[in-house]
Amino acid sequence: MYILDKLLYVGTLVSHLADASTTLFNGAQRFLFDDAPADCLAAFSQPLVCDDEVQLLGYDFDSLELTGTMLDALCTEECARSLLSLKDTISSACGEYDTPFNGAYISAVEVVDLFAYKYNMSCLVDARGEFCLIVEQHWDVDSLDRNGHATWPTHTEKIYPDFSEGDYNGSPAEDVDGTLIDLSDDPIMWPEWISQLQLEESGEDYFLEPISPDWRGHGHDVPLEYDEYPLEIQCSECFLAQYRYGIESKWGEVYDEVSDQVWNNIRRNCDLHWQLEPANNRSTWLSSFEPIHWTYRVSCDRMIEFQSEQATTVYDLAAVNKVPSAALLHLNVIGVNNVESGSYCAPLPCEIAIIDSRTGANNFVDTLGDITYTQFWSWNDYMEPNNLLPGEVVCVGPPGA
């Protein structure tokens, strides 16, 4: 049994083996490290000055619905210090002992280090002293958008590496005229992803109350990259703290070519002046590819008028005037669902189409059959290519034609 399976098993078992003092595994380390030296196993019995919730950190965060009360009990200076002390003790007692982990091996001291990483991530707080895990539970992307409070980011464009021809640097793919090709996958809807899961209750579900699968998209049915969240979330203290801690820890995310562009986009979206120090930097691109500076051709070619006692949506305004809705949003200070009477900048008119269901740009072009990806992208500056929304208006012919 590999260590992740063991951690889940042990996390359930420790509650039944608990004694007067809290230890990381409460004696269950003999199940986790079944071939470890006796001194190593004994070292895990060192008491922790922690609430026994610390033992649950072997679970995935999505399996735990941590409350403010639980975090208040867990996140203390004494607990943090005792975890560091345990790490030193394990390092001395266990030496180079390791155990299988995700197709490789993890040492006993690294297991404690992983718990410490999850402990520190759980205990992140903002300037007001609110736990970031609790703040995150209130992020609701679609609610922000419906209420006109979402400021969608300007900088989200990314190009993707192409290793298909054996290029070690993964230089971006280009078509015959030198235009960069988007090799990203079209997004999968959260409801579609959830429907593919095995949702029958397991033994773990008997002991834990996990978060709802619907919440994992932060109220949005398409997964968003970090640089694609509304600025109210993306530029918030907790969002940036969690993102930074995850990237700068070896237990966090791998930082690759796309991650590098995401970070550069976040810096510009949020006007940040500090740098990340990725712990798992796997980006292979040369510096000439970073950051990516995109040039938009949309301009204020004309003024359009809207006069009505009732507000309209940007989609309706775009359809009437035969322009892409994304262009109106970026040329004017307006919201998607609340456009009031006034004069607005617009590009030249074009042949339009209206998106009827959430999709990606390339998938949509495939349904048309008579235009190329390159043409569609050049006619629809400012669109969100991985996230075309129902009702969105796009050009399917050149402006001014």
Protein backbone atom coordinates (compact mmCIF):
# COMPACT_ATOMS: atom_id res chain seq x y z
CA MET A 1 0.00 0.00 0.00
CA TYR A 2 1.53 3.35 -1.05
CA ILE A 3 1.92 6.20 1.36
CA LEU A 4 -1.04 8.33 0.21
CA ASP A 5 -3.39 5.39 0.73
CA LYS A 6 -1.73 4.75 4.06
CA LEU A 7 -2.11 8.37 5.13
CA LEU A 8 -5.85 8.20 4.51
CA TYR A 9 -6.08 4.92 6.39
CA VAL A 10 -3.94 6.19 9.25
CA GLY A 11 -5.90 9.45 9.46
CA THR A 12 -9.01 7.39 10.22
CA LEU A 13 -7.19 5.02 12.53
CA VAL A 14 -5.53 7.59 14.79
CA SER A 15 -8.85 8.75 16.21
CA HIS A 16 -9.32 5.26 17.62
CA LEU A 17 -5.77 4.98 18.96
CA ALA A 18 -5.58 8.45 20.53
CA ASP A 19 -4.14 8.73 24.02
CA ALA A 20 -3.72 11.63 26.44
CA SER A 21 -1.17 13.52 24.33
CA THR A 22 -1.33 14.33 20.64
CA THR A 23 1.23 12.76 18.35
CA LEU A 24 1.30 12.90 14.58
CA PHE A 25 0.06 9.33 14.09
CA ASN A 26 -0.74 8.26 17.68
CA GLY A 27 1.12 4.99 17.32
CA ALA A 28 -0.22 4.20 13.86
CA GLN A 29 3.20 4.91 12.29
CA ARG A 30 3.84 1.16 12.41
CA PHE A 31 1.18 0.79 9.69
CA LEU A 32 2.58 3.66 7.64
CA PHE A 33 6.27 2.71 7.92
CA ASP A 34 6.01 -1.05 8.29
CA ASP A 35 9.72 -1.66 7.57
CA ALA A 36 11.19 1.30 9.47
CA PRO A 37 13.82 0.86 12.23
CA ALA A 38 12.47 0.76 15.78
CA ASP A 39 14.17 4.04 16.74
CA CYS A 40 12.50 5.75 13.78
CA LEU A 41 9.06 4.46 14.76
CA ALA A 42 9.62 5.51 18.37
CA ALA A 43 10.56 9.04 17.30
CA PHE A 44 7.07 9.56 15.86
CA SER A 45 5.71 9.20 19.40
CA GLN A 46 7.17 12.58 20.36
CA PRO A 47 4.23 14.64 21.72
CA LEU A 48 2.99 17.64 19.76
CA VAL A 49 1.61 20.75 21.44
CA CYS A 50 -1.22 20.73 18.91
CA ASP A 51 -4.93 20.15 18.67
CA ASP A 52 -5.58 16.64 17.39
CA GLU A 53 -6.94 18.18 14.15
CA VAL A 54 -3.28 18.20 13.04
CA GLN A 55 -3.64 14.47 12.33
CA LEU A 56 -6.22 15.20 9.62
CA LEU A 57 -3.68 17.05 7.48
CA GLY A 58 -2.89 13.75 5.78
CA TYR A 59 -6.13 14.21 3.86
CA ASP A 60 -6.63 16.32 0.77
CA PHE A 61 -7.97 19.81 1.57
CA ASP A 62 -11.12 19.03 -0.45
CA SER A 63 -11.88 16.22 1.99
CA LEU A 64 -11.91 18.60 4.94
CA GLU A 65 -14.42 21.36 5.57
CA LEU A 66 -12.32 23.21 8.11
CA THR A 67 -14.12 25.84 10.19
CA GLY A 68 -12.80 28.96 11.85
CA THR A 69 -13.16 27.30 15.25
CA MET A 70 -11.11 24.30 14.12
CA LEU A 71 -8.41 26.54 12.67
CA ASP A 72 -8.29 28.70 15.82
CA ALA A 73 -7.53 25.55 17.80
CA LEU A 74 -5.04 24.21 15.27
CA CYS A 75 -3.03 27.30 14.33
CA THR A 76 -0.91 28.21 17.35
CA GLU A 77 2.73 29.17 17.75
CA GLU A 78 3.22 26.19 20.07
CA CYS A 79 1.94 23.76 17.46
CA ALA A 80 4.12 25.25 14.70
CA ARG A 81 7.21 25.01 16.92
CA SER A 82 6.46 21.43 17.96
CA LEU A 83 6.14 20.34 14.32
CA LEU A 84 9.59 21.80 13.62
CA SER A 85 10.95 20.01 16.69
CA LEU A 86 9.43 16.73 15.51
CA LYS A 87 11.05 17.20 12.11
CA ASP A 88 14.49 17.55 13.76
CA THR A 89 13.87 14.46 15.90
CA ILE A 90 12.78 12.36 12.91
CA SER A 91 15.78 13.54 10.91
CA SER A 92 18.13 12.26 13.63
CA ALA A 93 16.29 9.01 14.35
CA CYS A 94 15.27 7.91 10.86
CA GLY A 95 18.29 8.96 8.83
CA GLU A 96 17.83 8.11 5.17
CA TYR A 97 14.87 5.77 5.66
CA ASP A 98 12.28 6.22 2.89
CA THR A 99 9.09 4.63 1.64
CA PRO A 100 7.28 4.43 -1.77
CA PHE A 101 5.50 7.64 -2.80
CA ASN A 102 3.84 8.38 -6.18
CA GLY A 103 6.18 6.09 -8.11
CA ALA A 104 9.25 7.39 -6.29
CA TYR A 105 10.28 7.51 -2.62
CA ILE A 106 9.73 9.90 0.26
CA SER A 107 11.83 9.99 3.42
CA ALA A 108 10.35 9.91 6.91
CA VAL A 109 11.47 13.48 7.55
CA GLU A 110 9.84 14.59 4.29
CA VAL A 111 6.54 13.15 5.51
CA VAL A 112 6.72 15.51 8.50
CA ASP A 113 7.73 18.33 6.16
CA LEU A 114 4.64 17.64 4.03
CA PHE A 115 2.43 17.86 7.12
CA ALA A 116 4.16 21.14 8.03
CA TYR A 117 3.48 22.51 4.52
CA LYS A 118 -0.21 21.66 4.78
CA TYR A 119 -0.31 23.07 8.31
CA ASN A 120 1.19 26.38 7.16
CA MET A 121 -1.14 26.54 4.15
CA SER A 122 -4.12 25.91 6.45
CA CYS A 123 -3.02 28.65 8.83
CA LEU A 124 -2.45 31.48 6.32
CA VAL A 125 -4.27 34.64 7.45
CA ASP A 126 -4.87 38.05 5.90
CA ALA A 127 -4.14 41.43 7.47
CA ARG A 128 -7.44 41.30 9.37
CA GLY A 129 -6.51 37.97 10.92
CA GLU A 130 -9.06 35.98 8.90
CA PHE A 131 -8.00 32.50 7.82
CA CYS A 132 -7.55 32.34 4.06
CA LEU A 133 -9.26 28.94 3.86
CA ILE A 134 -12.37 30.56 5.34
CA VAL A 135 -12.08 33.62 3.09
CA GLU A 136 -11.79 31.29 0.09
CA GLN A 137 -15.08 29.62 0.99
CA HIS A 138 -16.82 32.90 0.15
CA TRP A 139 -15.31 33.34 -3.33
CA ASP A 140 -18.18 33.07 -5.82
CA VAL A 141 -17.20 34.05 -9.35
CA ASP A 142 -20.63 33.83 -10.98
CA SER A 143 -22.33 35.69 -8.14
CA LEU A 144 -19.86 38.56 -8.54
CA ASP A 145 -20.54 38.61 -12.27
CA ARG A 146 -24.35 38.45 -11.96
CA ASN A 147 -24.34 41.36 -9.53
CA GLY A 148 -22.11 43.50 -11.73
CA HIS A 149 -19.22 43.40 -9.25
CA ALA A 150 -16.74 41.33 -11.28
CA THR A 151 -13.81 43.13 -12.88
CA TRP A 152 -12.53 40.67 -15.45
CA PRO A 153 -8.75 40.82 -15.99
CA THR A 154 -7.17 42.36 -19.07
CA HIS A 155 -4.11 40.14 -19.19
CA THR A 156 -4.97 36.46 -19.63
CA GLU A 157 -3.38 35.51 -22.95
CA LYS A 158 -1.00 32.57 -22.98
CA ILE A 159 0.90 30.60 -25.60
CA TYR A 160 1.61 26.93 -25.08
CA PRO A 161 4.81 24.92 -25.56
CA ASP A 162 5.10 22.46 -28.41
CA PHE A 163 7.34 19.46 -27.76
CA SER A 164 5.81 17.35 -30.56
CA GLU A 165 8.76 17.81 -32.95
CA GLY A 166 11.41 17.01 -30.36
CA ASP A 167 12.19 20.66 -29.61
CA TYR A 168 13.81 20.56 -26.16
CA ASN A 169 12.83 24.17 -25.46
CA GLY A 170 9.19 23.59 -26.45
CA SER A 171 9.18 26.65 -28.71
CA PRO A 172 5.58 27.76 -29.37
CA ALA A 173 3.90 26.24 -32.40
CA GLU A 174 3.31 28.48 -35.41
CA ASP A 175 1.19 28.10 -38.49
CA VAL A 176 2.48 28.69 -42.04
CA ASP A 177 2.29 32.48 -41.78
CA GLY A 178 4.11 32.61 -38.44
CA THR A 179 1.03 33.12 -36.29
CA LEU A 180 1.20 31.46 -32.88
CA ILE A 181 -1.18 28.51 -32.50
CA ASP A 182 -3.14 27.92 -29.30
CA LEU A 183 -2.45 24.35 -28.17
CA SER A 184 -4.42 24.55 -24.94
CA ASP A 185 -7.18 22.07 -24.24
CA ASP A 186 -10.74 23.29 -24.33
CA PRO A 187 -12.07 23.53 -20.77
CA ILE A 188 -14.13 20.77 -19.20
CA MET A 189 -17.24 21.87 -17.34
CA TRP A 190 -17.28 21.15 -13.62
CA PRO A 191 -20.70 19.41 -13.84
CA GLU A 192 -19.31 17.20 -16.63
CA TRP A 193 -16.19 16.44 -14.57
CA ILE A 194 -18.20 15.69 -11.44
CA SER A 195 -20.51 13.34 -13.37
CA GLN A 196 -17.47 11.23 -14.29
CA LEU A 197 -16.42 10.81 -10.67
CA GLN A 198 -17.17 7.80 -8.52
CA LEU A 199 -19.43 9.52 -6.00
CA GLU A 200 -20.47 6.48 -4.02
CA GLU A 201 -19.60 6.90 -0.36
CA SER A 202 -16.32 5.45 0.83
CA GLY A 203 -14.97 4.68 4.27
CA GLU A 204 -13.37 8.11 4.26
CA ASP A 205 -16.78 9.75 3.80
CA TYR A 206 -18.02 8.05 6.97
CA PHE A 207 -15.46 9.92 9.07
CA LEU A 208 -15.18 13.22 7.17
CA GLU A 209 -17.51 15.86 5.77
CA PRO A 210 -15.89 16.98 2.49
CA ILE A 211 -16.66 20.21 0.69
CA SER A 212 -19.34 20.05 -1.99
CA PRO A 213 -17.95 19.10 -5.43
CA ASP A 214 -19.91 22.06 -6.87
CA TRP A 215 -17.82 24.47 -4.78
CA ARG A 216 -14.51 23.41 -6.30
CA GLY A 217 -14.93 25.86 -9.17
CA HIS A 218 -15.48 28.80 -6.80
CA GLY A 219 -19.00 29.20 -8.13
CA HIS A 220 -17.92 28.91 -11.78
CA ASP A 221 -18.67 25.91 -13.98
CA VAL A 222 -15.42 26.12 -15.96
CA PRO A 223 -12.01 25.83 -14.27
CA LEU A 224 -10.13 29.13 -14.37
CA GLU A 225 -6.39 29.69 -14.47
CA TYR A 226 -5.06 31.90 -11.68
CA ASP A 227 -4.78 34.89 -14.04
CA GLU A 228 -8.39 34.48 -15.24
CA TYR A 229 -10.22 35.13 -11.95
CA PRO A 230 -12.01 38.47 -11.46
CA LEU A 231 -9.62 41.02 -9.97
CA GLU A 232 -11.71 41.18 -6.79
CA ILE A 233 -10.49 37.63 -6.11
CA GLN A 234 -7.25 37.44 -8.10
CA CYS A 235 -5.67 40.50 -6.49
CA SER A 236 -6.91 39.79 -2.98
CA GLU A 237 -4.44 39.19 -0.18
CA CYS A 238 -5.46 35.58 0.47
CA PHE A 239 -5.53 34.56 -3.20
CA LEU A 240 -1.99 35.85 -3.70
CA ALA A 241 -0.74 34.38 -0.41
CA GLN A 242 -2.04 30.89 -1.25
CA TYR A 243 -0.74 31.13 -4.81
CA ARG A 244 2.71 32.27 -3.70
CA TYR A 245 3.07 29.70 -0.91
CA GLY A 246 2.06 26.90 -3.28
CA ILE A 247 4.54 27.92 -5.97
CA GLU A 248 7.43 28.55 -3.57
CA SER A 249 7.13 25.21 -1.72
CA LYS A 250 8.47 21.92 -3.07
CA TRP A 251 5.15 20.37 -2.03
CA GLY A 252 3.21 22.83 -4.19
CA GLU A 253 2.77 23.09 -7.94
CA VAL A 254 5.26 22.48 -10.71
CA TYR A 255 6.13 25.80 -12.36
CA ASP A 256 6.24 25.36 -16.14
CA GLU A 257 6.13 27.47 -19.29
CA VAL A 258 2.44 28.28 -18.90
CA SER A 259 2.83 28.99 -15.17
CA ASP A 260 5.46 31.57 -16.06
CA GLN A 261 3.03 33.42 -18.32
CA VAL A 262 0.24 33.14 -15.74
CA TRP A 263 2.49 34.81 -13.16
CA ASN A 264 3.46 37.60 -15.57
CA ASN A 265 -0.23 38.18 -16.29
CA ILE A 266 -1.06 38.32 -12.57
CA ARG A 267 1.72 40.86 -12.00
CA ARG A 268 0.24 43.12 -14.66
CA ASN A 269 -3.38 42.55 -13.64
CA CYS A 270 -2.68 43.38 -10.00
CA ASP A 271 0.24 45.83 -10.47
CA LEU A 272 2.58 43.72 -8.35
CA HIS A 273 6.27 44.46 -7.92
CA TRP A 274 7.56 41.36 -6.14
CA GLN A 275 8.92 38.22 -7.75
CA LEU A 276 8.15 34.56 -7.25
CA GLU A 277 10.87 32.05 -6.42
CA PRO A 278 9.45 28.75 -7.76
CA ALA A 279 10.58 25.66 -5.87
CA ASN A 280 9.80 23.29 -8.78
CA ASN A 281 10.85 25.33 -11.81
CA ARG A 282 10.44 23.22 -14.95
CA SER A 283 10.09 26.10 -17.41
CA THR A 284 12.36 25.47 -20.40
CA TRP A 285 11.69 28.55 -22.51
CA LEU A 286 14.39 31.05 -23.21
CA SER A 287 14.02 34.53 -21.75
CA SER A 288 13.00 35.87 -25.17
CA PHE A 289 9.61 34.20 -24.67
CA GLU A 290 8.82 35.89 -21.33
CA PRO A 291 6.91 37.93 -20.55
CA ILE A 292 4.51 37.77 -23.47
CA HIS A 293 3.41 41.24 -24.59
CA TRP A 294 0.33 41.11 -26.78
CA THR A 295 -0.68 43.77 -29.27
CA TYR A 296 -4.39 44.42 -29.79
CA ARG A 297 -5.76 45.83 -32.99
CA VAL A 298 -9.17 46.85 -31.67
CA SER A 299 -9.61 50.61 -31.77
CA CYS A 300 -12.37 53.13 -31.28
CA ASP A 301 -13.33 53.34 -34.95
CA ARG A 302 -16.75 54.87 -34.27
CA MET A 303 -19.20 55.89 -31.57
CA ILE A 304 -22.46 54.03 -31.13
CA GLU A 305 -25.49 55.35 -29.27
CA PHE A 306 -27.78 53.60 -26.85
CA GLN A 307 -30.80 55.47 -25.50
CA SER A 308 -33.37 53.77 -23.31
CA GLU A 309 -34.95 54.15 -19.90
CA GLN A 310 -33.97 50.56 -19.15
CA ALA A 311 -30.40 49.29 -19.11
CA THR A 312 -29.35 46.61 -21.58
CA THR A 313 -26.65 43.95 -21.63
CA VAL A 314 -23.37 44.24 -23.49
CA TYR A 315 -24.39 41.18 -25.52
CA ASP A 316 -27.57 42.85 -26.78
CA LEU A 317 -25.71 46.09 -27.52
CA ALA A 318 -23.06 44.16 -29.45
CA ALA A 319 -25.61 42.18 -31.46
CA VAL A 320 -27.55 45.30 -32.50
CA ASN A 321 -24.36 47.05 -33.62
CA LYS A 322 -22.71 43.95 -35.11
CA VAL A 323 -19.50 44.08 -33.06
CA PRO A 324 -17.79 41.61 -30.69
CA SER A 325 -19.04 41.99 -27.14
CA ALA A 326 -15.49 41.50 -25.80
CA ALA A 327 -14.36 44.60 -27.72
CA LEU A 328 -17.11 46.74 -26.18
CA LEU A 329 -16.12 45.59 -22.69
CA HIS A 330 -12.49 46.56 -23.21
CA LEU A 331 -13.08 49.84 -25.02
CA ASN A 332 -15.60 51.12 -22.47
CA VAL A 333 -16.10 51.14 -18.71
CA ILE A 334 -19.25 49.01 -18.67
CA GLY A 335 -20.47 45.80 -17.08
CA VAL A 336 -21.78 42.75 -18.87
CA ASN A 337 -25.30 42.98 -17.48
CA ASN A 338 -25.76 46.71 -16.97
CA VAL A 339 -25.22 49.09 -19.90
CA GLU A 340 -27.01 52.40 -19.44
CA SER A 341 -27.90 55.07 -22.00
CA GLY A 342 -24.89 56.78 -23.52
CA SER A 343 -22.29 56.88 -26.28
CA TYR A 344 -19.80 54.04 -26.56
CA CYS A 345 -16.59 53.31 -28.46
CA ALA A 346 -16.88 50.45 -30.93
CA PRO A 347 -14.84 48.82 -33.71
CA LEU A 348 -16.10 48.57 -37.27
CA PRO A 349 -19.09 46.24 -37.82
CA CYS A 350 -18.62 42.64 -38.93
CA GLU A 351 -20.61 39.52 -39.66
CA ILE A 352 -21.46 38.19 -36.22
CA ALA A 353 -22.43 34.96 -34.51
CA ILE A 354 -23.81 34.44 -31.01
CA ILE A 355 -22.33 31.74 -28.79
CA ASP A 356 -25.10 29.39 -27.62
CA SER A 357 -23.17 27.33 -25.04
CA ARG A 358 -19.90 27.68 -23.20
CA THR A 359 -17.00 26.56 -25.39
CA GLY A 360 -13.45 27.29 -26.48
CA ALA A 361 -12.52 29.37 -29.52
CA ASN A 362 -11.02 26.52 -31.53
CA ASN A 363 -13.97 24.22 -30.84
CA PHE A 364 -16.32 26.97 -32.02
CA VAL A 365 -14.32 27.51 -35.24
CA ASP A 366 -14.53 23.77 -35.91
CA THR A 367 -18.33 24.07 -36.03
CA LEU A 368 -18.15 26.78 -38.72
CA GLY A 369 -15.97 24.98 -41.22
CA ASP A 370 -15.20 27.92 -43.52
CA ILE A 371 -12.73 30.06 -41.54
CA THR A 372 -9.37 29.33 -39.93
CA TYR A 373 -8.33 29.62 -36.31
CA THR A 374 -5.96 32.43 -37.27
CA GLN A 375 -8.72 34.43 -38.96
CA PHE A 376 -11.10 34.02 -36.03
CA TRP A 377 -8.49 35.10 -33.49
CA SER A 378 -7.51 38.15 -35.57
CA TRP A 379 -11.17 39.29 -35.80
CA ASN A 380 -11.85 38.80 -32.09
CA ASP A 381 -9.18 40.61 -30.11
CA TYR A 382 -9.88 40.64 -26.37
CA MET A 383 -11.99 37.49 -26.42
CA GLU A 384 -11.32 34.90 -23.70
CA PRO A 385 -10.39 32.04 -26.08
CA ASN A 386 -10.78 29.21 -23.56
CA ASN A 387 -14.03 30.53 -22.17
CA LEU A 388 -16.55 31.82 -24.72
CA LEU A 389 -19.82 32.35 -22.84
CA PRO A 390 -23.45 31.79 -23.85
CA GLY A 391 -24.80 34.99 -25.42
CA GLU A 392 -21.34 36.34 -26.27
CA VAL A 393 -21.15 38.02 -29.69
CA VAL A 394 -18.16 37.24 -31.93
CA CYS A 395 -17.04 38.21 -35.42
CA VAL A 396 -17.08 35.44 -38.03
CA GLY A 397 -15.96 37.79 -40.79
CA PRO A 398 -13.47 40.67 -41.03
CA PRO A 399 -14.44 44.07 -39.54
CA GLY A 400 -15.58 46.63 -42.08
CA ALA A 401 -16.19 44.07 -44.82
